[in-house]
Amino acid sequence: VAIAVLTEAGDQGGFTDQLQIARLKKRKLILKDRISIIEDN
């Protein structure tokens, strides 16, 4: 949701904080890995 909001706000306002979006996506990947580990257990 946060990534979608930032992307949409950037589309409307003309400025997208690519660094912040990249950080959120990286955090999302880390969470996905942790989720996979727990599911495997």
Full PDB file with SEQRES, HELIX, SHEET, SSBOND, CRYST1, ORIGX, SCALE, CONECT and MASTER records, all heavy atoms in Angstrom:
SEQRES   1 A   41  VAL ALA ILE ALA VAL LEU THR GLU ALA GLY ASP GLN GLY          
SEQRES   2 A   41  GLY PHE THR ASP GLN LEU GLN ILE ALA ARG LEU LYS LYS          
SEQRES   3 A   41  ARG LYS LEU ILE LEU LYS ASP ARG ILE SER ILE ILE GLU          
SEQRES   4 A   41  ASP ASN                                                      
HELIX    1 AA1 ALA A    2  GLY A   13  1                                  12    
HELIX    2 AA2 GLN A   18  ASP A   40  1                                  23    
CRYST1    1.000    1.000    1.000  90.00  90.00  90.00 P 1           1          
ORIGX1      1.000000  0.000000  0.000000        0.00000                         
ORIGX2      0.000000  1.000000  0.000000        0.00000                         
ORIGX3      0.000000  0.000000  1.000000        0.00000                         
SCALE1      1.000000  0.000000  0.000000        0.00000                         
SCALE2      0.000000  1.000000  0.000000        0.00000                         
SCALE3      0.000000  0.000000  1.000000        0.00000                         
ATOM      1  N   VAL A   1       0.834  -1.200   0.000  1.00  0.00           N  
ATOM      2  CA  VAL A   1       0.000   0.000   0.000  1.00  0.00           C  
ATOM      3  C   VAL A   1       0.872   1.254   0.000  1.00  0.00           C  
ATOM      4  O   VAL A   1       0.622   2.194  -0.761  1.00  0.00           O  
ATOM      5  CB  VAL A   1      -0.957  -0.005   1.216  1.00  0.00           C  
ATOM      6  CG1 VAL A   1      -1.697   1.315   1.333  1.00  0.00           C  
ATOM      7  CG2 VAL A   1      -1.942  -1.158   1.110  1.00  0.00           C  
ATOM      8  N   ALA A   2       1.899   1.269   0.816  1.00  0.00           N  
ATOM      9  CA  ALA A   2       2.780   2.437   0.897  1.00  0.00           C  
ATOM     10  C   ALA A   2       3.474   2.708  -0.440  1.00  0.00           C  
ATOM     11  O   ALA A   2       3.567   3.859  -0.875  1.00  0.00           O  
ATOM     12  CB  ALA A   2       3.817   2.239   1.998  1.00  0.00           C  
ATOM     13  N   ILE A   3       3.930   1.655  -1.089  1.00  0.00           N  
ATOM     14  CA  ILE A   3       4.588   1.816  -2.394  1.00  0.00           C  
ATOM     15  C   ILE A   3       3.601   2.356  -3.417  1.00  0.00           C  
ATOM     16  O   ILE A   3       3.926   3.260  -4.198  1.00  0.00           O  
ATOM     17  CB  ILE A   3       5.208   0.476  -2.851  1.00  0.00           C  
ATOM     18  CG1 ILE A   3       6.400   0.124  -1.954  1.00  0.00           C  
ATOM     19  CG2 ILE A   3       5.639   0.547  -4.318  1.00  0.00           C  
ATOM     20  CD1 ILE A   3       6.920  -1.297  -2.130  1.00  0.00           C  
ATOM     21  N   ALA A   4       2.390   1.829  -3.406  1.00  0.00           N  
ATOM     22  CA  ALA A   4       1.369   2.290  -4.348  1.00  0.00           C  
ATOM     23  C   ALA A   4       1.032   3.762  -4.114  1.00  0.00           C  
ATOM     24  O   ALA A   4       0.898   4.540  -5.070  1.00  0.00           O  
ATOM     25  CB  ALA A   4       0.116   1.426  -4.227  1.00  0.00           C  
ATOM     26  N   VAL A   5       0.923   4.158  -2.859  1.00  0.00           N  
ATOM     27  CA  VAL A   5       0.603   5.550  -2.536  1.00  0.00           C  
ATOM     28  C   VAL A   5       1.730   6.480  -2.984  1.00  0.00           C  
ATOM     29  O   VAL A   5       1.477   7.531  -3.588  1.00  0.00           O  
ATOM     30  CB  VAL A   5       0.331   5.708  -1.020  1.00  0.00           C  
ATOM     31  CG1 VAL A   5       0.301   7.174  -0.608  1.00  0.00           C  
ATOM     32  CG2 VAL A   5      -0.980   5.033  -0.651  1.00  0.00           C  
ATOM     33  N   LEU A   6       2.969   6.106  -2.701  1.00  0.00           N  
ATOM     34  CA  LEU A   6       4.099   6.941  -3.127  1.00  0.00           C  
ATOM     35  C   LEU A   6       4.182   7.054  -4.646  1.00  0.00           C  
ATOM     36  O   LEU A   6       4.453   8.128  -5.184  1.00  0.00           O  
ATOM     37  CB  LEU A   6       5.408   6.375  -2.587  1.00  0.00           C  
ATOM     38  CG  LEU A   6       5.735   6.665  -1.138  1.00  0.00           C  
ATOM     39  CD1 LEU A   6       7.002   5.917  -0.717  1.00  0.00           C  
ATOM     40  CD2 LEU A   6       5.930   8.152  -0.918  1.00  0.00           C  
ATOM     41  N   THR A   7       3.955   5.951  -5.321  1.00  0.00           N  
ATOM     42  CA  THR A   7       3.998   5.958  -6.786  1.00  0.00           C  
ATOM     43  C   THR A   7       2.891   6.839  -7.353  1.00  0.00           C  
ATOM     44  O   THR A   7       3.123   7.647  -8.256  1.00  0.00           O  
ATOM     45  CB  THR A   7       3.870   4.526  -7.325  1.00  0.00           C  
ATOM     46  OG1 THR A   7       4.912   3.732  -6.765  1.00  0.00           O  
ATOM     47  CG2 THR A   7       3.970   4.492  -8.842  1.00  0.00           C  
ATOM     48  N   GLU A   8       1.691   6.693  -6.808  1.00  0.00           N  
ATOM     49  CA  GLU A   8       0.555   7.482  -7.290  1.00  0.00           C  
ATOM     50  C   GLU A   8       0.759   8.971  -6.996  1.00  0.00           C  
ATOM     51  O   GLU A   8       0.477   9.819  -7.841  1.00  0.00           O  
ATOM     52  CB  GLU A   8      -0.733   7.000  -6.641  1.00  0.00           C  
ATOM     53  CG  GLU A   8      -1.970   7.663  -7.199  1.00  0.00           C  
ATOM     54  CD  GLU A   8      -3.241   7.086  -6.614  1.00  0.00           C  
ATOM     55  OE1 GLU A   8      -3.320   5.856  -6.457  1.00  0.00           O  
ATOM     56  OE2 GLU A   8      -4.153   7.884  -6.319  1.00  0.00           O  
ATOM     57  N   ALA A   9       1.260   9.271  -5.810  1.00  0.00           N  
ATOM     58  CA  ALA A   9       1.510  10.676  -5.456  1.00  0.00           C  
ATOM     59  C   ALA A   9       2.560  11.275  -6.385  1.00  0.00           C  
ATOM     60  O   ALA A   9       2.462  12.438  -6.779  1.00  0.00           O  
ATOM     61  CB  ALA A   9       1.958  10.782  -4.006  1.00  0.00           C  
ATOM     62  N   GLY A  10       3.559  10.488  -6.726  1.00  0.00           N  
ATOM     63  CA  GLY A  10       4.586  10.967  -7.647  1.00  0.00           C  
ATOM     64  C   GLY A  10       4.040  11.196  -9.034  1.00  0.00           C  
ATOM     65  O   GLY A  10       4.414  12.167  -9.711  1.00  0.00           O  
ATOM     66  N   ASP A  11       3.139  10.324  -9.464  1.00  0.00           N  
ATOM     67  CA  ASP A  11       2.530  10.483 -10.782  1.00  0.00           C  
ATOM     68  C   ASP A  11       1.685  11.761 -10.847  1.00  0.00           C  
ATOM     69  O   ASP A  11       1.681  12.456 -11.855  1.00  0.00           O  
ATOM     70  CB  ASP A  11       1.657   9.274 -11.127  1.00  0.00           C  
ATOM     71  CG  ASP A  11       2.480   8.018 -11.371  1.00  0.00           C  
ATOM     72  OD1 ASP A  11       3.713   8.135 -11.572  1.00  0.00           O  
ATOM     73  OD2 ASP A  11       1.896   6.911 -11.356  1.00  0.00           O  
ATOM     74  N   GLN A  12       1.010  12.061  -9.751  1.00  0.00           N  
ATOM     75  CA  GLN A  12       0.145  13.241  -9.731  1.00  0.00           C  
ATOM     76  C   GLN A  12       0.939  14.533  -9.496  1.00  0.00           C  
ATOM     77  O   GLN A  12       0.625  15.562 -10.065  1.00  0.00           O  
ATOM     78  CB  GLN A  12      -0.919  13.099  -8.650  1.00  0.00           C  
ATOM     79  CG  GLN A  12      -1.930  12.026  -8.946  1.00  0.00           C  
ATOM     80  CD  GLN A  12      -2.922  11.829  -7.815  1.00  0.00           C  
ATOM     81  OE1 GLN A  12      -2.836  12.472  -6.774  1.00  0.00           O  
ATOM     82  NE2 GLN A  12      -3.856  10.920  -8.008  1.00  0.00           N  
ATOM     83  N   GLY A  13       1.964  14.447  -8.667  1.00  0.00           N  
ATOM     84  CA  GLY A  13       2.715  15.651  -8.307  1.00  0.00           C  
ATOM     85  C   GLY A  13       3.939  15.894  -9.156  1.00  0.00           C  
ATOM     86  O   GLY A  13       4.568  16.937  -9.057  1.00  0.00           O  
ATOM     87  N   GLY A  14       4.309  14.933  -9.971  1.00  0.00           N  
ATOM     88  CA  GLY A  14       5.458  15.117 -10.826  1.00  0.00           C  
ATOM     89  C   GLY A  14       6.788  14.736 -10.199  1.00  0.00           C  
ATOM     90  O   GLY A  14       7.818  14.768 -10.849  1.00  0.00           O  
ATOM     91  N   PHE A  15       6.801  14.376  -8.910  1.00  0.00           N  
ATOM     92  CA  PHE A  15       8.046  13.996  -8.247  1.00  0.00           C  
ATOM     93  C   PHE A  15       7.841  12.663  -7.540  1.00  0.00           C  
ATOM     94  O   PHE A  15       6.975  12.530  -6.688  1.00  0.00           O  
ATOM     95  CB  PHE A  15       8.485  15.048  -7.223  1.00  0.00           C  
ATOM     96  CG  PHE A  15       9.679  14.624  -6.412  1.00  0.00           C  
ATOM     97  CD1 PHE A  15      10.947  14.624  -6.972  1.00  0.00           C  
ATOM     98  CD2 PHE A  15       9.530  14.190  -5.111  1.00  0.00           C  
ATOM     99  CE1 PHE A  15      12.045  14.223  -6.234  1.00  0.00           C  
ATOM    100  CE2 PHE A  15      10.626  13.780  -4.364  1.00  0.00           C  
ATOM    101  CZ  PHE A  15      11.888  13.798  -4.928  1.00  0.00           C  
ATOM    102  N   THR A  16       8.632  11.689  -7.912  1.00  0.00           N  
ATOM    103  CA  THR A  16       8.578  10.388  -7.279  1.00  0.00           C  
ATOM    104  C   THR A  16       9.876  10.174  -6.514  1.00  0.00           C  
ATOM    105  O   THR A  16      10.959  10.301  -7.083  1.00  0.00           O  
ATOM    106  CB  THR A  16       8.415   9.267  -8.331  1.00  0.00           C  
ATOM    107  OG1 THR A  16       7.248   9.530  -9.103  1.00  0.00           O  
ATOM    108  CG2 THR A  16       8.269   7.918  -7.676  1.00  0.00           C  
ATOM    109  N   ASP A  17       9.758   9.861  -5.246  1.00  0.00           N  
ATOM    110  CA  ASP A  17      10.935   9.610  -4.418  1.00  0.00           C  
ATOM    111  C   ASP A  17      11.406   8.177  -4.676  1.00  0.00           C  
ATOM    112  O   ASP A  17      11.010   7.243  -3.980  1.00  0.00           O  
ATOM    113  CB  ASP A  17      10.594   9.830  -2.944  1.00  0.00           C  
ATOM    114  CG  ASP A  17      11.820   9.779  -2.050  1.00  0.00           C  
ATOM    115  OD1 ASP A  17      12.914   9.454  -2.554  1.00  0.00           O  
ATOM    116  OD2 ASP A  17      11.684  10.069  -0.849  1.00  0.00           O  
ATOM    117  N   GLN A  18      12.224   8.027  -5.702  1.00  0.00           N  
ATOM    118  CA  GLN A  18      12.678   6.698  -6.117  1.00  0.00           C  
ATOM    119  C   GLN A  18      13.505   6.006  -5.037  1.00  0.00           C  
ATOM    120  O   GLN A  18      13.435   4.787  -4.890  1.00  0.00           O  
ATOM    121  CB  GLN A  18      13.496   6.804  -7.419  1.00  0.00           C  
ATOM    122  CG  GLN A  18      12.684   7.223  -8.623  1.00  0.00           C  
ATOM    123  CD  GLN A  18      11.634   6.186  -8.988  1.00  0.00           C  
ATOM    124  OE1 GLN A  18      11.820   4.991  -8.809  1.00  0.00           O  
ATOM    125  NE2 GLN A  18      10.514   6.666  -9.496  1.00  0.00           N  
ATOM    126  N   LEU A  19      14.265   6.762  -4.284  1.00  0.00           N  
ATOM    127  CA  LEU A  19      15.085   6.180  -3.224  1.00  0.00           C  
ATOM    128  C   LEU A  19      14.201   5.558  -2.135  1.00  0.00           C  
ATOM    129  O   LEU A  19      14.446   4.438  -1.687  1.00  0.00           O  
ATOM    130  CB  LEU A  19      16.010   7.235  -2.625  1.00  0.00           C  
ATOM    131  CG  LEU A  19      16.980   6.747  -1.550  1.00  0.00           C  
ATOM    132  CD1 LEU A  19      17.882   5.648  -2.104  1.00  0.00           C  
ATOM    133  CD2 LEU A  19      17.812   7.905  -1.034  1.00  0.00           C  
ATOM    134  N   GLN A  20      13.174   6.281  -1.734  1.00  0.00           N  
ATOM    135  CA  GLN A  20      12.257   5.768  -0.721  1.00  0.00           C  
ATOM    136  C   GLN A  20      11.524   4.529  -1.231  1.00  0.00           C  
ATOM    137  O   GLN A  20      11.365   3.546  -0.499  1.00  0.00           O  
ATOM    138  CB  GLN A  20      11.256   6.847  -0.303  1.00  0.00           C  
ATOM    139  CG  GLN A  20      10.313   6.409   0.792  1.00  0.00           C  
ATOM    140  CD  GLN A  20      11.019   6.142   2.108  1.00  0.00           C  
ATOM    141  OE1 GLN A  20      12.099   6.648   2.374  1.00  0.00           O  
ATOM    142  NE2 GLN A  20      10.412   5.327   2.941  1.00  0.00           N  
ATOM    143  N   ILE A  21      11.088   4.563  -2.468  1.00  0.00           N  
ATOM    144  CA  ILE A  21      10.396   3.408  -3.050  1.00  0.00           C  
ATOM    145  C   ILE A  21      11.333   2.205  -3.112  1.00  0.00           C  
ATOM    146  O   ILE A  21      10.947   1.081  -2.790  1.00  0.00           O  
ATOM    147  CB  ILE A  21       9.824   3.765  -4.446  1.00  0.00           C  
ATOM    148  CG1 ILE A  21       8.669   4.762  -4.285  1.00  0.00           C  
ATOM    149  CG2 ILE A  21       9.358   2.511  -5.178  1.00  0.00           C  
ATOM    150  CD1 ILE A  21       8.131   5.305  -5.586  1.00  0.00           C  
ATOM    151  N   ALA A  22      12.582   2.434  -3.487  1.00  0.00           N  
ATOM    152  CA  ALA A  22      13.565   1.342  -3.544  1.00  0.00           C  
ATOM    153  C   ALA A  22      13.792   0.739  -2.165  1.00  0.00           C  
ATOM    154  O   ALA A  22      13.904  -0.483  -2.019  1.00  0.00           O  
ATOM    155  CB  ALA A  22      14.875   1.844  -4.131  1.00  0.00           C  
ATOM    156  N   ARG A  23      13.853   1.590  -1.143  1.00  0.00           N  
ATOM    157  CA  ARG A  23      14.040   1.091   0.224  1.00  0.00           C  
ATOM    158  C   ARG A  23      12.849   0.243   0.666  1.00  0.00           C  
ATOM    159  O   ARG A  23      13.015  -0.795   1.312  1.00  0.00           O  
ATOM    160  CB  ARG A  23      14.226   2.254   1.194  1.00  0.00           C  
ATOM    161  CG  ARG A  23      15.565   2.911   1.068  1.00  0.00           C  
ATOM    162  CD  ARG A  23      15.675   4.090   1.996  1.00  0.00           C  
ATOM    163  NE  ARG A  23      16.992   4.702   1.885  1.00  0.00           N  
ATOM    164  CZ  ARG A  23      17.252   5.951   2.179  1.00  0.00           C  
ATOM    165  NH1 ARG A  23      16.299   6.747   2.628  1.00  0.00           N  
ATOM    166  NH2 ARG A  23      18.479   6.426   2.042  1.00  0.00           N  
ATOM    167  N   LEU A  24      11.654   0.702   0.339  1.00  0.00           N  
ATOM    168  CA  LEU A  24      10.459  -0.055   0.702  1.00  0.00           C  
ATOM    169  C   LEU A  24      10.414  -1.401  -0.029  1.00  0.00           C  
ATOM    170  O   LEU A  24      10.044  -2.426   0.566  1.00  0.00           O  
ATOM    171  CB  LEU A  24       9.193   0.757   0.393  1.00  0.00           C  
ATOM    172  CG  LEU A  24       8.972   2.006   1.247  1.00  0.00           C  
ATOM    173  CD1 LEU A  24       7.756   2.780   0.759  1.00  0.00           C  
ATOM    174  CD2 LEU A  24       8.847   1.655   2.710  1.00  0.00           C  
ATOM    175  N   LYS A  25      10.800  -1.402  -1.286  1.00  0.00           N  
ATOM    176  CA  LYS A  25      10.819  -2.658  -2.047  1.00  0.00           C  
ATOM    177  C   LYS A  25      11.860  -3.622  -1.489  1.00  0.00           C  
ATOM    178  O   LYS A  25      11.623  -4.832  -1.433  1.00  0.00           O  
ATOM    179  CB  LYS A  25      11.075  -2.382  -3.527  1.00  0.00           C  
ATOM    180  CG  LYS A  25       9.876  -1.770  -4.231  1.00  0.00           C  
ATOM    181  CD  LYS A  25      10.143  -1.562  -5.710  1.00  0.00           C  
ATOM    182  CE  LYS A  25       8.919  -1.019  -6.416  1.00  0.00           C  
ATOM    183  NZ  LYS A  25       9.156  -0.857  -7.860  1.00  0.00           N  
ATOM    184  N   LYS A  26      12.996  -3.089  -1.074  1.00  0.00           N  
ATOM    185  CA  LYS A  26      14.033  -3.939  -0.480  1.00  0.00           C  
ATOM    186  C   LYS A  26      13.525  -4.544   0.823  1.00  0.00           C  
ATOM    187  O   LYS A  26      13.723  -5.731   1.087  1.00  0.00           O  
ATOM    188  CB  LYS A  26      15.301  -3.127  -0.232  1.00  0.00           C  
ATOM    189  CG  LYS A  26      16.445  -3.954   0.309  1.00  0.00           C  
ATOM    190  CD  LYS A  26      17.703  -3.135   0.439  1.00  0.00           C  
ATOM    191  CE  LYS A  26      18.843  -3.998   0.977  1.00  0.00           C  
ATOM    192  NZ  LYS A  26      20.066  -3.223   1.098  1.00  0.00           N  
ATOM    193  N   ARG A  27      12.867  -3.729   1.633  1.00  0.00           N  
ATOM    194  CA  ARG A  27      12.289  -4.222   2.888  1.00  0.00           C  
ATOM    195  C   ARG A  27      11.249  -5.313   2.603  1.00  0.00           C  
ATOM    196  O   ARG A  27      11.160  -6.307   3.306  1.00  0.00           O  
ATOM    197  CB  ARG A  27      11.652  -3.055   3.648  1.00  0.00           C  
ATOM    198  CG  ARG A  27      10.907  -3.439   4.890  1.00  0.00           C  
ATOM    199  CD  ARG A  27      11.833  -3.842   5.996  1.00  0.00           C  
ATOM    200  NE  ARG A  27      11.057  -4.184   7.172  1.00  0.00           N  
ATOM    201  CZ  ARG A  27      11.422  -5.087   8.052  1.00  0.00           C  
ATOM    202  NH1 ARG A  27      12.562  -5.706   7.935  1.00  0.00           N  
ATOM    203  NH2 ARG A  27      10.661  -5.356   9.073  1.00  0.00           N  
ATOM    204  N   LYS A  28      10.480  -5.106   1.549  1.00  0.00           N  
ATOM    205  CA  LYS A  28       9.462  -6.085   1.158  1.00  0.00           C  
ATOM    206  C   LYS A  28      10.101  -7.424   0.782  1.00  0.00           C  
ATOM    207  O   LYS A  28       9.600  -8.488   1.152  1.00  0.00           O  
ATOM    208  CB  LYS A  28       8.672  -5.517  -0.033  1.00  0.00           C  
ATOM    209  CG  LYS A  28       7.236  -5.893  -0.036  1.00  0.00           C  
ATOM    210  CD  LYS A  28       6.533  -5.180  -1.162  1.00  0.00           C  
ATOM    211  CE  LYS A  28       5.910  -6.253  -1.996  1.00  0.00           C  
ATOM    212  NZ  LYS A  28       5.226  -5.823  -3.147  1.00  0.00           N  
ATOM    213  N   LEU A  29      11.208  -7.375   0.070  1.00  0.00           N  
ATOM    214  CA  LEU A  29      11.916  -8.607  -0.295  1.00  0.00           C  
ATOM    215  C   LEU A  29      12.466  -9.324   0.931  1.00  0.00           C  
ATOM    216  O   LEU A  29      12.415 -10.553   1.021  1.00  0.00           O  
ATOM    217  CB  LEU A  29      13.052  -8.297  -1.268  1.00  0.00           C  
ATOM    218  CG  LEU A  29      12.642  -7.963  -2.692  1.00  0.00           C  
ATOM    219  CD1 LEU A  29      13.855  -7.520  -3.496  1.00  0.00           C  
ATOM    220  CD2 LEU A  29      11.970  -9.140  -3.350  1.00  0.00           C  
ATOM    221  N   ILE A  30      12.981  -8.559   1.880  1.00  0.00           N  
ATOM    222  CA  ILE A  30      13.485  -9.155   3.121  1.00  0.00           C  
ATOM    223  C   ILE A  30      12.347  -9.855   3.863  1.00  0.00           C  
ATOM    224  O   ILE A  30      12.499 -10.980   4.345  1.00  0.00           O  
ATOM    225  CB  ILE A  30      14.150  -8.078   4.006  1.00  0.00           C  
ATOM    226  CG1 ILE A  30      15.445  -7.593   3.355  1.00  0.00           C  
ATOM    227  CG2 ILE A  30      14.412  -8.600   5.414  1.00  0.00           C  
ATOM    228  CD1 ILE A  30      16.031  -6.342   3.992  1.00  0.00           C  
ATOM    229  N   LEU A  31      11.201  -9.194   3.924  1.00  0.00           N  
ATOM    230  CA  LEU A  31      10.040  -9.795   4.587  1.00  0.00           C  
ATOM    231  C   LEU A  31       9.608 -11.067   3.874  1.00  0.00           C  
ATOM    232  O   LEU A  31       9.253 -12.061   4.515  1.00  0.00           O  
ATOM    233  CB  LEU A  31       8.881  -8.806   4.639  1.00  0.00           C  
ATOM    234  CG  LEU A  31       9.049  -7.625   5.580  1.00  0.00           C  
ATOM    235  CD1 LEU A  31       7.890  -6.649   5.420  1.00  0.00           C  
ATOM    236  CD2 LEU A  31       9.162  -8.083   7.013  1.00  0.00           C  
ATOM    237  N   LYS A  32       9.625 -11.031   2.549  1.00  0.00           N  
ATOM    238  CA  LYS A  32       9.231 -12.213   1.772  1.00  0.00           C  
ATOM    239  C   LYS A  32      10.142 -13.398   2.093  1.00  0.00           C  
ATOM    240  O   LYS A  32       9.676 -14.534   2.247  1.00  0.00           O  
ATOM    241  CB  LYS A  32       9.278 -11.900   0.277  1.00  0.00           C  
ATOM    242  CG  LYS A  32       8.808 -13.022  -0.607  1.00  0.00           C  
ATOM    243  CD  LYS A  32       8.841 -12.608  -2.060  1.00  0.00           C  
ATOM    244  CE  LYS A  32       8.431 -13.773  -2.942  1.00  0.00           C  
ATOM    245  NZ  LYS A  32       8.564 -13.446  -4.352  1.00  0.00           N  
ATOM    246  N   ASP A  33      11.430 -13.142   2.207  1.00  0.00           N  
ATOM    247  CA  ASP A  33      12.383 -14.197   2.559  1.00  0.00           C  
ATOM    248  C   ASP A  33      12.097 -14.751   3.949  1.00  0.00           C  
ATOM    249  O   ASP A  33      12.121 -15.962   4.169  1.00  0.00           O  
ATOM    250  CB  ASP A  33      13.817 -13.687   2.495  1.00  0.00           C  
ATOM    251  CG  ASP A  33      14.291 -13.433   1.071  1.00  0.00           C  
ATOM    252  OD1 ASP A  33      13.654 -13.951   0.127  1.00  0.00           O  
ATOM    253  OD2 ASP A  33      15.288 -12.715   0.904  1.00  0.00           O  
ATOM    254  N   ARG A  34      11.824 -13.867   4.901  1.00  0.00           N  
ATOM    255  CA  ARG A  34      11.524 -14.314   6.266  1.00  0.00           C  
ATOM    256  C   ARG A  34      10.226 -15.113   6.311  1.00  0.00           C  
ATOM    257  O   ARG A  34      10.127 -16.110   7.029  1.00  0.00           O  
ATOM    258  CB  ARG A  34      11.437 -13.118   7.208  1.00  0.00           C  
ATOM    259  CG  ARG A  34      12.785 -12.484   7.466  1.00  0.00           C  
ATOM    260  CD  ARG A  34      12.685 -11.336   8.420  1.00  0.00           C  
ATOM    261  NE  ARG A  34      13.996 -10.709   8.594  1.00  0.00           N  
ATOM    262  CZ  ARG A  34      14.182  -9.578   9.233  1.00  0.00           C  
ATOM    263  NH1 ARG A  34      13.163  -8.935   9.764  1.00  0.00           N  
ATOM    264  NH2 ARG A  34      15.398  -9.069   9.348  1.00  0.00           N  
ATOM    265  N   ILE A  35       9.242 -14.677   5.542  1.00  0.00           N  
ATOM    266  CA  ILE A  35       7.972 -15.405   5.458  1.00  0.00           C  
ATOM    267  C   ILE A  35       8.216 -16.809   4.918  1.00  0.00           C  
ATOM    268  O   ILE A  35       7.693 -17.794   5.450  1.00  0.00           O  
ATOM    269  CB  ILE A  35       6.954 -14.631   4.584  1.00  0.00           C  
ATOM    270  CG1 ILE A  35       6.475 -13.380   5.320  1.00  0.00           C  
ATOM    271  CG2 ILE A  35       5.773 -15.515   4.200  1.00  0.00           C  
ATOM    272  CD1 ILE A  35       5.686 -12.408   4.461  1.00  0.00           C  
ATOM    273  N   SER A  36       9.021 -16.912   3.877  1.00  0.00           N  
ATOM    274  CA  SER A  36       9.328 -18.218   3.282  1.00  0.00           C  
ATOM    275  C   SER A  36      10.026 -19.142   4.272  1.00  0.00           C  
ATOM    276  O   SER A  36       9.721 -20.334   4.337  1.00  0.00           O  
ATOM    277  CB  SER A  36      10.201 -18.049   2.041  1.00  0.00           C  
ATOM    278  OG  SER A  36       9.505 -17.372   1.039  1.00  0.00           O  
ATOM    279  N   ILE A  37      10.935 -18.597   5.043  1.00  0.00           N  
ATOM    280  CA  ILE A  37      11.662 -19.403   6.037  1.00  0.00           C  
ATOM    281  C   ILE A  37      10.700 -19.951   7.086  1.00  0.00           C  
ATOM    282  O   ILE A  37      10.746 -21.137   7.427  1.00  0.00           O  
ATOM    283  CB  ILE A  37      12.785 -18.572   6.691  1.00  0.00           C  
ATOM    284  CG1 ILE A  37      13.899 -18.311   5.676  1.00  0.00           C  
ATOM    285  CG2 ILE A  37      13.334 -19.278   7.929  1.00  0.00           C  
ATOM    286  CD1 ILE A  37      14.914 -17.280   6.126  1.00  0.00           C  
ATOM    287  N   ILE A  38       9.821 -19.099   7.581  1.00  0.00           N  
ATOM    288  CA  ILE A  38       8.869 -19.551   8.599  1.00  0.00           C  
ATOM    289  C   ILE A  38       7.902 -20.578   8.011  1.00  0.00           C  
ATOM    290  O   ILE A  38       7.599 -21.591   8.654  1.00  0.00           O  
ATOM    291  CB  ILE A  38       8.112 -18.354   9.212  1.00  0.00           C  
ATOM    292  CG1 ILE A  38       9.089 -17.497  10.019  1.00  0.00           C  
ATOM    293  CG2 ILE A  38       6.961 -18.840  10.100  1.00  0.00           C  
ATOM    294  CD1 ILE A  38       8.492 -16.220  10.558  1.00  0.00           C  
ATOM    295  N   GLU A  39       7.425 -20.334   6.791  1.00  0.00           N  
ATOM    296  CA  GLU A  39       6.517 -21.303   6.146  1.00  0.00           C  
ATOM    297  C   GLU A  39       7.210 -22.656   5.974  1.00  0.00           C  
ATOM    298  O   GLU A  39       6.593 -23.692   6.182  1.00  0.00           O  
ATOM    299  CB  GLU A  39       6.035 -20.763   4.799  1.00  0.00           C  
ATOM    300  CG  GLU A  39       5.024 -19.665   4.924  1.00  0.00           C  
ATOM    301  CD  GLU A  39       4.639 -19.037   3.594  1.00  0.00           C  
ATOM    302  OE1 GLU A  39       5.386 -19.172   2.609  1.00  0.00           O  
ATOM    303  OE2 GLU A  39       3.586 -18.398   3.559  1.00  0.00           O  
ATOM    304  N   ASP A  40       8.474 -22.625   5.607  1.00  0.00           N  
ATOM    305  CA  ASP A  40       9.232 -23.879   5.464  1.00  0.00           C  
ATOM    306  C   ASP A  40       9.340 -24.624   6.784  1.00  0.00           C  
ATOM    307  O   ASP A  40       9.315 -25.862   6.825  1.00  0.00           O  
ATOM    308  CB  ASP A  40      10.626 -23.619   4.898  1.00  0.00           C  
ATOM    309  CG  ASP A  40      10.615 -23.236   3.431  1.00  0.00           C  
ATOM    310  OD1 ASP A  40       9.571 -23.435   2.768  1.00  0.00           O  
ATOM    311  OD2 ASP A  40      11.643 -22.719   2.952  1.00  0.00           O  
ATOM    312  N   ASN A  41       9.482 -23.880   7.872  1.00  0.00           N  
ATOM    313  CA  ASN A  41       9.560 -24.510   9.187  1.00  0.00           C  
ATOM    314  C   ASN A  41       8.207 -25.071   9.632  1.00  0.00           C  
ATOM    315  O   ASN A  41       8.162 -26.070  10.349  1.00  0.00           O  
ATOM    316  CB  ASN A  41      10.040 -23.508  10.247  1.00  0.00           C  
ATOM    317  CG  ASN A  41      11.517 -23.219  10.103  1.00  0.00           C  
ATOM    318  OD1 ASN A  41      12.296 -24.065   9.670  1.00  0.00           O  
ATOM    319  ND2 ASN A  41      11.907 -22.021  10.485  1.00  0.00           N  
TER     320      ASN A  41                                                      
MASTER        0    0    0    2    0    0    0    6  319    1    0    4          
END                                                                             
